[in-house]
Amino acid sequence: MIYESGFENLSRLARFQSILFDMTDTISRHRKKIDELDAQILDLIEQRVDEAINIRHLKIMQKIPLFTPAREQELINRLVNKSAGHLPAEVIKDIWMTIIKGGKRIGDTQ
């Protein structure tokens, strides 16, 4: 008997190991999907920053103010509505404000 690990017999231990393997295999598949999504998100953020830099250059050439708080608020509102409660509004705001701030920081170095 294998009392020290909480199993009275080997068949019960084997069943537990099988369940544990299935769980870790499922977790691994989900982690792989998350890794793929993270790569896609990074690509999209990079594309977004590139577009924001293009707009920044056009605004500078046309002497238009760089900062448009109303546009940022419209963006946040649109995304909150699109999420339809799936993600809390504060989470969406935090994510996009971080993306926007990062884009501004990169734009300042261009």
PDB file of N, CA and C in Angstrom:
ATOM      1  N   MET A   1       0.829  -1.190   0.000  1.00  0.00           N
ATOM      2  CA  MET A   1       0.000   0.000   0.000  1.00  0.00           C
ATOM      3  C   MET A   1       0.875   1.257   0.000  1.00  0.00           C
ATOM      4  N   ILE A   2       0.346   2.283  -0.631  1.00  0.00           N
ATOM      5  CA  ILE A   2       1.102   3.514  -0.777  1.00  0.00           C
ATOM      6  C   ILE A   2       0.397   4.599   0.028  1.00  0.00           C
ATOM      7  N   TYR A   3       0.448   4.486   1.334  1.00  0.00           N
ATOM      8  CA  TYR A   3      -0.259   5.426   2.200  1.00  0.00           C
ATOM      9  C   TYR A   3       0.354   6.826   2.176  1.00  0.00           C
ATOM     10  N   GLU A   4       1.682   6.893   2.030  1.00  0.00           N
ATOM     11  CA  GLU A   4       2.324   8.206   2.127  1.00  0.00           C
ATOM     12  C   GLU A   4       1.849   9.161   1.041  1.00  0.00           C
ATOM     13  N   SER A   5       1.394   8.666  -0.116  1.00  0.00           N
ATOM     14  CA  SER A   5       0.891   9.562  -1.158  1.00  0.00           C
ATOM     15  C   SER A   5      -0.634   9.589  -1.182  1.00  0.00           C
ATOM     16  N   GLY A   6      -1.284   8.903  -0.223  1.00  0.00           N
ATOM     17  CA  GLY A   6      -2.732   8.962  -0.134  1.00  0.00           C
ATOM     18  C   GLY A   6      -3.453   7.950  -0.996  1.00  0.00           C
ATOM     19  N   PHE A   7      -2.765   6.934  -1.478  1.00  0.00           N
ATOM     20  CA  PHE A   7      -3.394   5.918  -2.312  1.00  0.00           C
ATOM     21  C   PHE A   7      -3.276   4.564  -1.642  1.00  0.00           C
ATOM     22  N   GLU A   8      -4.422   3.864  -1.526  1.00  0.00           N
ATOM     23  CA  GLU A   8      -4.420   2.561  -0.869  1.00  0.00           C
ATOM     24  C   GLU A   8      -3.962   1.442  -1.796  1.00  0.00           C
ATOM     25  N   ASN A   9      -4.109   1.658  -3.086  1.00  0.00           N
ATOM     26  CA  ASN A   9      -3.696   0.598  -4.008  1.00  0.00           C
ATOM     27  C   ASN A   9      -3.183   1.188  -5.320  1.00  0.00           C
ATOM     28  N   LEU A  10      -2.491   0.345  -6.055  1.00  0.00           N
ATOM     29  CA  LEU A  10      -1.856   0.815  -7.292  1.00  0.00           C
ATOM     30  C   LEU A  10      -2.864   1.171  -8.376  1.00  0.00           C
ATOM     31  N   SER A  11      -4.012   0.483  -8.420  1.00  0.00           N
ATOM     32  CA  SER A  11      -4.988   0.784  -9.466  1.00  0.00           C
ATOM     33  C   SER A  11      -5.570   2.186  -9.271  1.00  0.00           C
ATOM     34  N   ARG A  12      -5.771   2.566  -8.032  1.00  0.00           N
ATOM     35  CA  ARG A  12      -6.261   3.908  -7.751  1.00  0.00           C
ATOM     36  C   ARG A  12      -5.196   4.947  -8.131  1.00  0.00           C
ATOM     37  N   LEU A  13      -3.939   4.644  -7.860  1.00  0.00           N
ATOM     38  CA  LEU A  13      -2.845   5.530  -8.248  1.00  0.00           C
ATOM     39  C   LEU A  13      -2.777   5.668  -9.770  1.00  0.00           C
ATOM     40  N   ALA A  14      -2.930   4.565 -10.478  1.00  0.00           N
ATOM     41  CA  ALA A  14      -2.889   4.595 -11.940  1.00  0.00           C
ATOM     42  C   ALA A  14      -4.033   5.437 -12.499  1.00  0.00           C
ATOM     43  N   ARG A  15      -5.234   5.303 -11.924  1.00  0.00           N
ATOM     44  CA  ARG A  15      -6.387   6.094 -12.356  1.00  0.00           C
ATOM     45  C   ARG A  15      -6.119   7.587 -12.138  1.00  0.00           C
ATOM     46  N   PHE A  16      -5.566   7.916 -10.989  1.00  0.00           N
ATOM     47  CA  PHE A  16      -5.245   9.310 -10.683  1.00  0.00           C
ATOM     48  C   PHE A  16      -4.223   9.859 -11.678  1.00  0.00           C
ATOM     49  N   GLN A  17      -3.189   9.083 -11.973  1.00  0.00           N
ATOM     50  CA  GLN A  17      -2.168   9.538 -12.910  1.00  0.00           C
ATOM     51  C   GLN A  17      -2.744   9.746 -14.299  1.00  0.00           C
ATOM     52  N   SER A  18      -3.701   8.893 -14.691  1.00  0.00           N
ATOM     53  CA  SER A  18      -4.352   9.035 -15.990  1.00  0.00           C
ATOM     54  C   SER A  18      -5.164  10.327 -16.039  1.00  0.00           C
ATOM     55  N   ILE A  19      -5.907  10.594 -14.972  1.00  0.00           N
ATOM     56  CA  ILE A  19      -6.698  11.829 -14.899  1.00  0.00           C
ATOM     57  C   ILE A  19      -5.775  13.038 -14.910  1.00  0.00           C
ATOM     58  N   LEU A  20      -4.713  12.962 -14.150  1.00  0.00           N
ATOM     59  CA  LEU A  20      -3.757  14.064 -14.082  1.00  0.00           C
ATOM     60  C   LEU A  20      -3.126  14.323 -15.446  1.00  0.00           C
ATOM     61  N   PHE A  21      -2.778  13.251 -16.170  1.00  0.00           N
ATOM     62  CA  PHE A  21      -2.197  13.404 -17.509  1.00  0.00           C
ATOM     63  C   PHE A  21      -3.195  14.080 -18.439  1.00  0.00           C
ATOM     64  N   ASP A  22      -4.463  13.633 -18.401  1.00  0.00           N
ATOM     65  CA  ASP A  22      -5.486  14.238 -19.253  1.00  0.00           C
ATOM     66  C   ASP A  22      -5.638  15.722 -18.952  1.00  0.00           C
ATOM     67  N   MET A  23      -5.608  16.069 -17.661  1.00  0.00           N
ATOM     68  CA  MET A  23      -5.750  17.472 -17.273  1.00  0.00           C
ATOM     69  C   MET A  23      -4.555  18.294 -17.757  1.00  0.00           C
ATOM     70  N   THR A  24      -3.349  17.784 -17.558  1.00  0.00           N
ATOM     71  CA  THR A  24      -2.170  18.547 -17.979  1.00  0.00           C
ATOM     72  C   THR A  24      -2.088  18.635 -19.495  1.00  0.00           C
ATOM     73  N   ASP A  25      -2.549  17.603 -20.192  1.00  0.00           N
ATOM     74  CA  ASP A  25      -2.583  17.650 -21.654  1.00  0.00           C
ATOM     75  C   ASP A  25      -3.564  18.726 -22.122  1.00  0.00           C
ATOM     76  N   THR A  26      -4.719  18.797 -21.482  1.00  0.00           N
ATOM     77  CA  THR A  26      -5.713  19.812 -21.820  1.00  0.00           C
ATOM     78  C   THR A  26      -5.178  21.204 -21.506  1.00  0.00           C
ATOM     79  N   ILE A  27      -4.539  21.354 -20.362  1.00  0.00           N
ATOM     80  CA  ILE A  27      -3.943  22.646 -20.002  1.00  0.00           C
ATOM     81  C   ILE A  27      -2.889  23.037 -21.030  1.00  0.00           C
ATOM     82  N   SER A  28      -2.073  22.091 -21.450  1.00  0.00           N
ATOM     83  CA  SER A  28      -1.029  22.381 -22.446  1.00  0.00           C
ATOM     84  C   SER A  28      -1.635  22.866 -23.755  1.00  0.00           C
ATOM     85  N   ARG A  29      -2.749  22.251 -24.177  1.00  0.00           N
ATOM     86  CA  ARG A  29      -3.408  22.686 -25.417  1.00  0.00           C
ATOM     87  C   ARG A  29      -3.938  24.110 -25.275  1.00  0.00           C
ATOM     88  N   HIS A  30      -4.519  24.414 -24.124  1.00  0.00           N
ATOM     89  CA  HIS A  30      -5.027  25.773 -23.903  1.00  0.00           C
ATOM     90  C   HIS A  30      -3.871  26.778 -23.855  1.00  0.00           C
ATOM     91  N   ARG A  31      -2.779  26.400 -23.232  1.00  0.00           N
ATOM     92  CA  ARG A  31      -1.618  27.306 -23.178  1.00  0.00           C
ATOM     93  C   ARG A  31      -1.046  27.547 -24.564  1.00  0.00           C
ATOM     94  N   LYS A  32      -1.030  26.515 -25.386  1.00  0.00           N
ATOM     95  CA  LYS A  32      -0.535  26.670 -26.753  1.00  0.00           C
ATOM     96  C   LYS A  32      -1.418  27.648 -27.522  1.00  0.00           C
ATOM     97  N   LYS A  33      -2.724  27.533 -27.343  1.00  0.00           N
ATOM     98  CA  LYS A  33      -3.657  28.452 -28.005  1.00  0.00           C
ATOM     99  C   LYS A  33      -3.435  29.879 -27.518  1.00  0.00           C
ATOM    100  N   ILE A  34      -3.228  30.050 -26.205  1.00  0.00           N
ATOM    101  CA  ILE A  34      -2.954  31.375 -25.651  1.00  0.00           C
ATOM    102  C   ILE A  34      -1.670  31.943 -26.244  1.00  0.00           C
ATOM    103  N   ASP A  35      -0.639  31.110 -26.373  1.00  0.00           N
ATOM    104  CA  ASP A  35       0.620  31.567 -26.978  1.00  0.00           C
ATOM    105  C   ASP A  35       0.400  32.044 -28.408  1.00  0.00           C
ATOM    106  N   GLU A  36      -0.417  31.314 -29.163  1.00  0.00           N
ATOM    107  CA  GLU A  36      -0.719  31.717 -30.539  1.00  0.00           C
ATOM    108  C   GLU A  36      -1.485  33.038 -30.558  1.00  0.00           C
ATOM    109  N   LEU A  37      -2.463  33.179 -29.672  1.00  0.00           N
ATOM    110  CA  LEU A  37      -3.227  34.422 -29.594  1.00  0.00           C
ATOM    111  C   LEU A  37      -2.336  35.593 -29.183  1.00  0.00           C
ATOM    112  N   ASP A  38      -1.437  35.358 -28.229  1.00  0.00           N
ATOM    113  CA  ASP A  38      -0.514  36.417 -27.808  1.00  0.00           C
ATOM    114  C   ASP A  38       0.326  36.907 -28.976  1.00  0.00           C
ATOM    115  N   ALA A  39       0.798  36.002 -29.802  1.00  0.00           N
ATOM    116  CA  ALA A  39       1.601  36.387 -30.970  1.00  0.00           C
ATOM    117  C   ALA A  39       0.766  37.222 -31.935  1.00  0.00           C
ATOM    118  N   GLN A  40      -0.491  36.833 -32.137  1.00  0.00           N
ATOM    119  CA  GLN A  40      -1.377  37.592 -33.020  1.00  0.00           C
ATOM    120  C   GLN A  40      -1.666  38.976 -32.440  1.00  0.00           C
ATOM    121  N   ILE A  41      -1.908  39.029 -31.133  1.00  0.00           N
ATOM    122  CA  ILE A  41      -2.185  40.310 -30.482  1.00  0.00           C
ATOM    123  C   ILE A  41      -0.981  41.234 -30.626  1.00  0.00           C
ATOM    124  N   LEU A  42       0.218  40.713 -30.407  1.00  0.00           N
ATOM    125  CA  LEU A  42       1.424  41.526 -30.545  1.00  0.00           C
ATOM    126  C   LEU A  42       1.549  42.065 -31.969  1.00  0.00           C
ATOM    127  N   ASP A  43       1.323  41.211 -32.966  1.00  0.00           N
ATOM    128  CA  ASP A  43       1.378  41.662 -34.364  1.00  0.00           C
ATOM    129  C   ASP A  43       0.386  42.796 -34.609  1.00  0.00           C
ATOM    130  N   LEU A  44      -0.833  42.644 -34.086  1.00  0.00           N
ATOM    131  CA  LEU A  44      -1.857  43.669 -34.291  1.00  0.00           C
ATOM    132  C   LEU A  44      -1.506  44.967 -33.564  1.00  0.00           C
ATOM    133  N   ILE A  45      -0.959  44.864 -32.367  1.00  0.00           N
ATOM    134  CA  ILE A  45      -0.550  46.071 -31.645  1.00  0.00           C
ATOM    135  C   ILE A  45       0.551  46.792 -32.416  1.00  0.00           C
ATOM    136  N   GLU A  46       1.504  46.040 -32.950  1.00  0.00           N
ATOM    137  CA  GLU A  46       2.569  46.658 -33.744  1.00  0.00           C
ATOM    138  C   GLU A  46       2.002  47.372 -34.963  1.00  0.00           C
ATOM    139  N   GLN A  47       1.027  46.751 -35.637  1.00  0.00           N
ATOM    140  CA  GLN A  47       0.390  47.391 -36.792  1.00  0.00           C
ATOM    141  C   GLN A  47      -0.348  48.656 -36.363  1.00  0.00           C
ATOM    142  N   ARG A  48      -1.013  48.582 -35.216  1.00  0.00           N
ATOM    143  CA  ARG A  48      -1.750  49.734 -34.698  1.00  0.00           C
ATOM    144  C   ARG A  48      -0.795  50.894 -34.408  1.00  0.00           C
ATOM    145  N   VAL A  49       0.313  50.590 -33.771  1.00  0.00           N
ATOM    146  CA  VAL A  49       1.301  51.626 -33.456  1.00  0.00           C
ATOM    147  C   VAL A  49       1.833  52.247 -34.741  1.00  0.00           C
ATOM    148  N   ASP A  50       2.106  51.430 -35.745  1.00  0.00           N
ATOM    149  CA  ASP A  50       2.575  51.960 -37.035  1.00  0.00           C
ATOM    150  C   ASP A  50       1.565  52.946 -37.621  1.00  0.00           C
ATOM    151  N   GLU A  51       0.280  52.595 -37.570  1.00  0.00           N
ATOM    152  CA  GLU A  51      -0.757  53.486 -38.096  1.00  0.00           C
ATOM    153  C   GLU A  51      -0.845  54.768 -37.279  1.00  0.00           C
ATOM    154  N   ALA A  52      -0.733  54.649 -35.959  1.00  0.00           N
ATOM    155  CA  ALA A  52      -0.773  55.839 -35.097  1.00  0.00           C
ATOM    156  C   ALA A  52       0.407  56.758 -35.403  1.00  0.00           C
ATOM    157  N   ILE A  53       1.561  56.192 -35.673  1.00  0.00           N
ATOM    158  CA  ILE A  53       2.733  57.004 -36.031  1.00  0.00           C
ATOM    159  C   ILE A  53       2.496  57.707 -37.364  1.00  0.00           C
ATOM    160  N   ASN A  54       1.887  57.015 -38.315  1.00  0.00           N
ATOM    161  CA  ASN A  54       1.549  57.651 -39.599  1.00  0.00           C
ATOM    162  C   ASN A  54       0.627  58.853 -39.381  1.00  0.00           C
ATOM    163  N   ILE A  55      -0.386  58.667 -38.536  1.00  0.00           N
ATOM    164  CA  ILE A  55      -1.317  59.760 -38.246  1.00  0.00           C
ATOM    165  C   ILE A  55      -0.584  60.906 -37.555  1.00  0.00           C
ATOM    166  N   ARG A  56       0.301  60.571 -36.640  1.00  0.00           N
ATOM    167  CA  ARG A  56       1.078  61.599 -35.928  1.00  0.00           C
ATOM    168  C   ARG A  56       1.859  62.460 -36.923  1.00  0.00           C
ATOM    169  N   HIS A  57       2.532  61.811 -37.878  1.00  0.00           N
ATOM    170  CA  HIS A  57       3.308  62.562 -38.874  1.00  0.00           C
ATOM    171  C   HIS A  57       2.401  63.474 -39.708  1.00  0.00           C
ATOM    172  N   LEU A  58       1.234  62.965 -40.083  1.00  0.00           N
ATOM    173  CA  LEU A  58       0.300  63.788 -40.859  1.00  0.00           C
ATOM    174  C   LEU A  58      -0.201  64.971 -40.039  1.00  0.00           C
ATOM    175  N   LYS A  59      -0.490  64.741 -38.768  1.00  0.00           N
ATOM    176  CA  LYS A  59      -0.945  65.840 -37.901  1.00  0.00           C
ATOM    177  C   LYS A  59       0.139  66.902 -37.742  1.00  0.00           C
ATOM    178  N   ILE A  60       1.376  66.475 -37.601  1.00  0.00           N
ATOM    179  CA  ILE A  60       2.480  67.431 -37.470  1.00  0.00           C
ATOM    180  C   ILE A  60       2.595  68.266 -38.743  1.00  0.00           C
ATOM    181  N   MET A  61       2.514  67.602 -39.891  1.00  0.00           N
ATOM    182  CA  MET A  61       2.616  68.324 -41.168  1.00  0.00           C
ATOM    183  C   MET A  61       1.484  69.332 -41.336  1.00  0.00           C
ATOM    184  N   GLN A  62       0.295  68.978 -40.848  1.00  0.00           N
ATOM    185  CA  GLN A  62      -0.870  69.845 -41.019  1.00  0.00           C
ATOM    186  C   GLN A  62      -1.107  70.753 -39.812  1.00  0.00           C
ATOM    187  N   LYS A  63      -0.180  70.679 -38.831  1.00  0.00           N
ATOM    188  CA  LYS A  63      -0.272  71.497 -37.621  1.00  0.00           C
ATOM    189  C   LYS A  63      -1.599  71.288 -36.879  1.00  0.00           C
ATOM    190  N   ILE A  64      -1.996  70.031 -36.811  1.00  0.00           N
ATOM    191  CA  ILE A  64      -3.197  69.621 -36.070  1.00  0.00           C
ATOM    192  C   ILE A  64      -2.736  69.137 -34.695  1.00  0.00           C
ATOM    193  N   PRO A  65      -3.487  69.458 -33.635  1.00  0.00           N
ATOM    194  CA  PRO A  65      -3.090  68.967 -32.309  1.00  0.00           C
ATOM    195  C   PRO A  65      -2.931  67.442 -32.287  1.00  0.00           C
ATOM    196  N   LEU A  66      -1.874  66.993 -31.622  1.00  0.00           N
ATOM    197  CA  LEU A  66      -1.595  65.556 -31.571  1.00  0.00           C
ATOM    198  C   LEU A  66      -2.547  64.808 -30.639  1.00  0.00           C
ATOM    199  N   PHE A  67      -2.939  65.446 -29.568  1.00  0.00           N
ATOM    200  CA  PHE A  67      -3.738  64.798 -28.550  1.00  0.00           C
ATOM    201  C   PHE A  67      -5.217  65.088 -28.775  1.00  0.00           C
ATOM    202  N   THR A  68      -6.011  64.040 -28.925  1.00  0.00           N
ATOM    203  CA  THR A  68      -7.455  64.197 -29.115  1.00  0.00           C
ATOM    204  C   THR A  68      -8.189  63.309 -28.112  1.00  0.00           C
ATOM    205  N   PRO A  69      -8.412  63.843 -26.902  1.00  0.00           N
ATOM    206  CA  PRO A  69      -9.059  63.046 -25.854  1.00  0.00           C
ATOM    207  C   PRO A  69     -10.437  62.532 -26.264  1.00  0.00           C
ATOM    208  N   ALA A  70     -11.177  63.307 -27.039  1.00  0.00           N
ATOM    209  CA  ALA A  70     -12.511  62.864 -27.457  1.00  0.00           C
ATOM    210  C   ALA A  70     -12.416  61.608 -28.315  1.00  0.00           C
ATOM    211  N   ARG A  71     -11.425  61.562 -29.188  1.00  0.00           N
ATOM    212  CA  ARG A  71     -11.224  60.382 -30.042  1.00  0.00           C
ATOM    213  C   ARG A  71     -10.900  59.161 -29.186  1.00  0.00           C
ATOM    214  N   GLU A  72     -10.053  59.327 -28.184  1.00  0.00           N
ATOM    215  CA  GLU A  72      -9.703  58.210 -27.302  1.00  0.00           C
ATOM    216  C   GLU A  72     -10.929  57.728 -26.544  1.00  0.00           C
ATOM    217  N   GLN A  73     -11.761  58.678 -26.061  1.00  0.00           N
ATOM    218  CA  GLN A  73     -12.969  58.286 -25.330  1.00  0.00           C
ATOM    219  C   GLN A  73     -13.949  57.565 -26.243  1.00  0.00           C
ATOM    220  N   GLU A  74     -14.091  58.043 -27.486  1.00  0.00           N
ATOM    221  CA  GLU A  74     -14.956  57.358 -28.459  1.00  0.00           C
ATOM    222  C   GLU A  74     -14.483  55.931 -28.693  1.00  0.00           C
ATOM    223  N   LEU A  75     -13.175  55.754 -28.809  1.00  0.00           N
ATOM    224  CA  LEU A  75     -12.597  54.425 -29.012  1.00  0.00           C
ATOM    225  C   LEU A  75     -12.947  53.510 -27.845  1.00  0.00           C
ATOM    226  N   ILE A  76     -12.717  53.988 -26.618  1.00  0.00           N
ATOM    227  CA  ILE A  76     -13.009  53.183 -25.431  1.00  0.00           C
ATOM    228  C   ILE A  76     -14.497  52.831 -25.393  1.00  0.00           C
ATOM    229  N   ASN A  77     -15.357  53.815 -25.615  1.00  0.00           N
ATOM    230  CA  ASN A  77     -16.807  53.566 -25.594  1.00  0.00           C
ATOM    231  C   ASN A  77     -17.214  52.535 -26.637  1.00  0.00           C
ATOM    232  N   ARG A  78     -16.638  52.652 -27.839  1.00  0.00           N
ATOM    233  CA  ARG A  78     -16.966  51.704 -28.908  1.00  0.00           C
ATOM    234  C   ARG A  78     -16.556  50.285 -28.525  1.00  0.00           C
ATOM    235  N   LEU A  79     -15.367  50.149 -27.921  1.00  0.00           N
ATOM    236  CA  LEU A  79     -14.897  48.817 -27.540  1.00  0.00           C
ATOM    237  C   LEU A  79     -15.697  48.239 -26.370  1.00  0.00           C
ATOM    238  N   VAL A  80     -16.060  49.084 -25.428  1.00  0.00           N
ATOM    239  CA  VAL A  80     -16.899  48.623 -24.311  1.00  0.00           C
ATOM    240  C   VAL A  80     -18.235  48.127 -24.847  1.00  0.00           C
ATOM    241  N   ASN A  81     -18.832  48.872 -25.764  1.00  0.00           N
ATOM    242  CA  ASN A  81     -20.103  48.446 -26.367  1.00  0.00           C
ATOM    243  C   ASN A  81     -19.943  47.156 -27.151  1.00  0.00           C
ATOM    244  N   LYS A  82     -18.838  47.039 -27.878  1.00  0.00           N
ATOM    245  CA  LYS A  82     -18.585  45.829 -28.665  1.00  0.00           C
ATOM    246  C   LYS A  82     -18.448  44.614 -27.761  1.00  0.00           C
ATOM    247  N   SER A  83     -17.826  44.800 -26.622  1.00  0.00           N
ATOM    248  CA  SER A  83     -17.645  43.689 -25.681  1.00  0.00           C
ATOM    249  C   SER A  83     -18.978  43.242 -25.075  1.00  0.00           C
ATOM    250  N   ALA A  84     -19.915  44.148 -24.990  1.00  0.00           N
ATOM    251  CA  ALA A  84     -21.263  43.855 -24.472  1.00  0.00           C
ATOM    252  C   ALA A  84     -21.220  43.157 -23.115  1.00  0.00           C
ATOM    253  N   GLY A  85     -20.327  43.630 -22.242  1.00  0.00           N
ATOM    254  CA  GLY A  85     -20.271  43.089 -20.893  1.00  0.00           C
ATOM    255  C   GLY A  85     -19.393  41.875 -20.712  1.00  0.00           C
ATOM    256  N   HIS A  86     -18.846  41.342 -21.796  1.00  0.00           N
ATOM    257  CA  HIS A  86     -17.969  40.173 -21.664  1.00  0.00           C
ATOM    258  C   HIS A  86     -16.742  40.511 -20.829  1.00  0.00           C
ATOM    259  N   LEU A  87     -16.177  41.677 -21.092  1.00  0.00           N
ATOM    260  CA  LEU A  87     -15.062  42.199 -20.282  1.00  0.00           C
ATOM    261  C   LEU A  87     -15.552  43.451 -19.570  1.00  0.00           C
ATOM    262  N   PRO A  88     -15.154  43.634 -18.333  1.00  0.00           N
ATOM    263  CA  PRO A  88     -15.541  44.866 -17.631  1.00  0.00           C
ATOM    264  C   PRO A  88     -14.972  46.093 -18.340  1.00  0.00           C
ATOM    265  N   ALA A  89     -15.742  47.169 -18.314  1.00  0.00           N
ATOM    266  CA  ALA A  89     -15.336  48.409 -18.978  1.00  0.00           C
ATOM    267  C   ALA A  89     -13.975  48.888 -18.486  1.00  0.00           C
ATOM    268  N   GLU A  90     -13.710  48.765 -17.203  1.00  0.00           N
ATOM    269  CA  GLU A  90     -12.422  49.224 -16.652  1.00  0.00           C
ATOM    270  C   GLU A  90     -11.253  48.422 -17.215  1.00  0.00           C
ATOM    271  N   VAL A  91     -11.470  47.144 -17.447  1.00  0.00           N
ATOM    272  CA  VAL A  91     -10.405  46.307 -18.019  1.00  0.00           C
ATOM    273  C   VAL A  91     -10.120  46.761 -19.447  1.00  0.00           C
ATOM    274  N   ILE A  92     -11.161  46.970 -20.212  1.00  0.00           N
ATOM    275  CA  ILE A  92     -10.992  47.434 -21.592  1.00  0.00           C
ATOM    276  C   ILE A  92     -10.272  48.786 -21.605  1.00  0.00           C
ATOM    277  N   LYS A  93     -10.713  49.691 -20.734  1.00  0.00           N
ATOM    278  CA  LYS A  93     -10.080  51.019 -20.669  1.00  0.00           C
ATOM    279  C   LYS A  93      -8.605  50.887 -20.303  1.00  0.00           C
ATOM    280  N   ASP A  94      -8.296  50.079 -19.305  1.00  0.00           N
ATOM    281  CA  ASP A  94      -6.897  49.906 -18.890  1.00  0.00           C
ATOM    282  C   ASP A  94      -6.035  49.362 -20.023  1.00  0.00           C
ATOM    283  N   ILE A  95      -6.543  48.350 -20.720  1.00  0.00           N
ATOM    284  CA  ILE A  95      -5.775  47.739 -21.813  1.00  0.00           C
ATOM    285  C   ILE A  95      -5.507  48.761 -22.913  1.00  0.00           C
ATOM    286  N   TRP A  96      -6.571  49.447 -23.354  1.00  0.00           N
ATOM    287  CA  TRP A  96      -6.385  50.365 -24.489  1.00  0.00           C
ATOM    288  C   TRP A  96      -5.608  51.610 -24.114  1.00  0.00           C
ATOM    289  N   MET A  97      -5.771  52.092 -22.897  1.00  0.00           N
ATOM    290  CA  MET A  97      -4.980  53.253 -22.503  1.00  0.00           C
ATOM    291  C   MET A  97      -3.500  52.887 -22.444  1.00  0.00           C
ATOM    292  N   THR A  98      -3.188  51.668 -22.044  1.00  0.00           N
ATOM    293  CA  THR A  98      -1.798  51.213 -22.051  1.00  0.00           C
ATOM    294  C   THR A  98      -1.273  51.143 -23.483  1.00  0.00           C
ATOM    295  N   ILE A  99      -2.074  50.617 -24.391  1.00  0.00           N
ATOM    296  CA  ILE A  99      -1.671  50.539 -25.803  1.00  0.00           C
ATOM    297  C   ILE A  99      -1.471  51.949 -26.365  1.00  0.00           C
ATOM    298  N   ILE A 100      -2.398  52.842 -26.066  1.00  0.00           N
ATOM    299  CA  ILE A 100      -2.307  54.219 -26.570  1.00  0.00           C
ATOM    300  C   ILE A 100      -1.066  54.912 -26.007  1.00  0.00           C
ATOM    301  N   LYS A 101      -0.836  54.780 -24.703  1.00  0.00           N
ATOM    302  CA  LYS A 101       0.345  55.400 -24.089  1.00  0.00           C
ATOM    303  C   LYS A 101       1.631  54.845 -24.689  1.00  0.00           C
ATOM    304  N   GLY A 102       1.665  53.541 -24.930  1.00  0.00           N
ATOM    305  CA  GLY A 102       2.848  52.933 -25.546  1.00  0.00           C
ATOM    306  C   GLY A 102       3.091  53.482 -26.945  1.00  0.00           C
ATOM    307  N   GLY A 103       2.018  53.645 -27.690  1.00  0.00           N
ATOM    308  CA  GLY A 103       2.129  54.217 -29.033  1.00  0.00           C
ATOM    309  C   GLY A 103       2.638  55.643 -28.998  1.00  0.00           C
ATOM    310  N   LYS A 104       2.140  56.417 -28.029  1.00  0.00           N
ATOM    311  CA  LYS A 104       2.607  57.803 -27.891  1.00  0.00           C
ATOM    312  C   LYS A 104       4.101  57.832 -27.544  1.00  0.00           C
ATOM    313  N   ARG A 105       4.499  56.952 -26.654  1.00  0.00           N
ATOM    314  CA  ARG A 105       5.917  56.908 -26.252  1.00  0.00           C
ATOM    315  C   ARG A 105       6.794  56.592 -27.453  1.00  0.00           C
ATOM    316  N   ILE A 106       6.362  55.630 -28.263  1.00  0.00           N
ATOM    317  CA  ILE A 106       7.133  55.272 -29.460  1.00  0.00           C
ATOM    318  C   ILE A 106       7.115  56.435 -30.457  1.00  0.00           C
ATOM    319  N   GLY A 107       5.952  57.069 -30.608  1.00  0.00           N
ATOM    320  CA  GLY A 107       5.837  58.206 -31.521  1.00  0.00           C
ATOM    321  C   GLY A 107       6.750  59.352 -31.123  1.00  0.00           C
ATOM    322  N   ASP A 108       6.939  59.540 -29.823  1.00  0.00           N
ATOM    323  CA  ASP A 108       7.814  60.619 -29.347  1.00  0.00           C
ATOM    324  C   ASP A 108       9.271  60.379 -29.731  1.00  0.00           C
ATOM    325  N   THR A 109       9.620  59.142 -29.996  1.00  0.00           N
ATOM    326  CA  THR A 109      11.007  58.841 -30.357  1.00  0.00           C
ATOM    327  C   THR A 109      11.239  58.830 -31.857  1.00  0.00           C
ATOM    328  N   GLN A 110      10.174  58.990 -32.612  1.00  0.00           N
ATOM    329  CA  GLN A 110      10.291  58.932 -34.084  1.00  0.00           C
ATOM    330  C   GLN A 110      10.737  60.252 -34.648  1.00  0.00           C
TER     331      GLN A 110
END
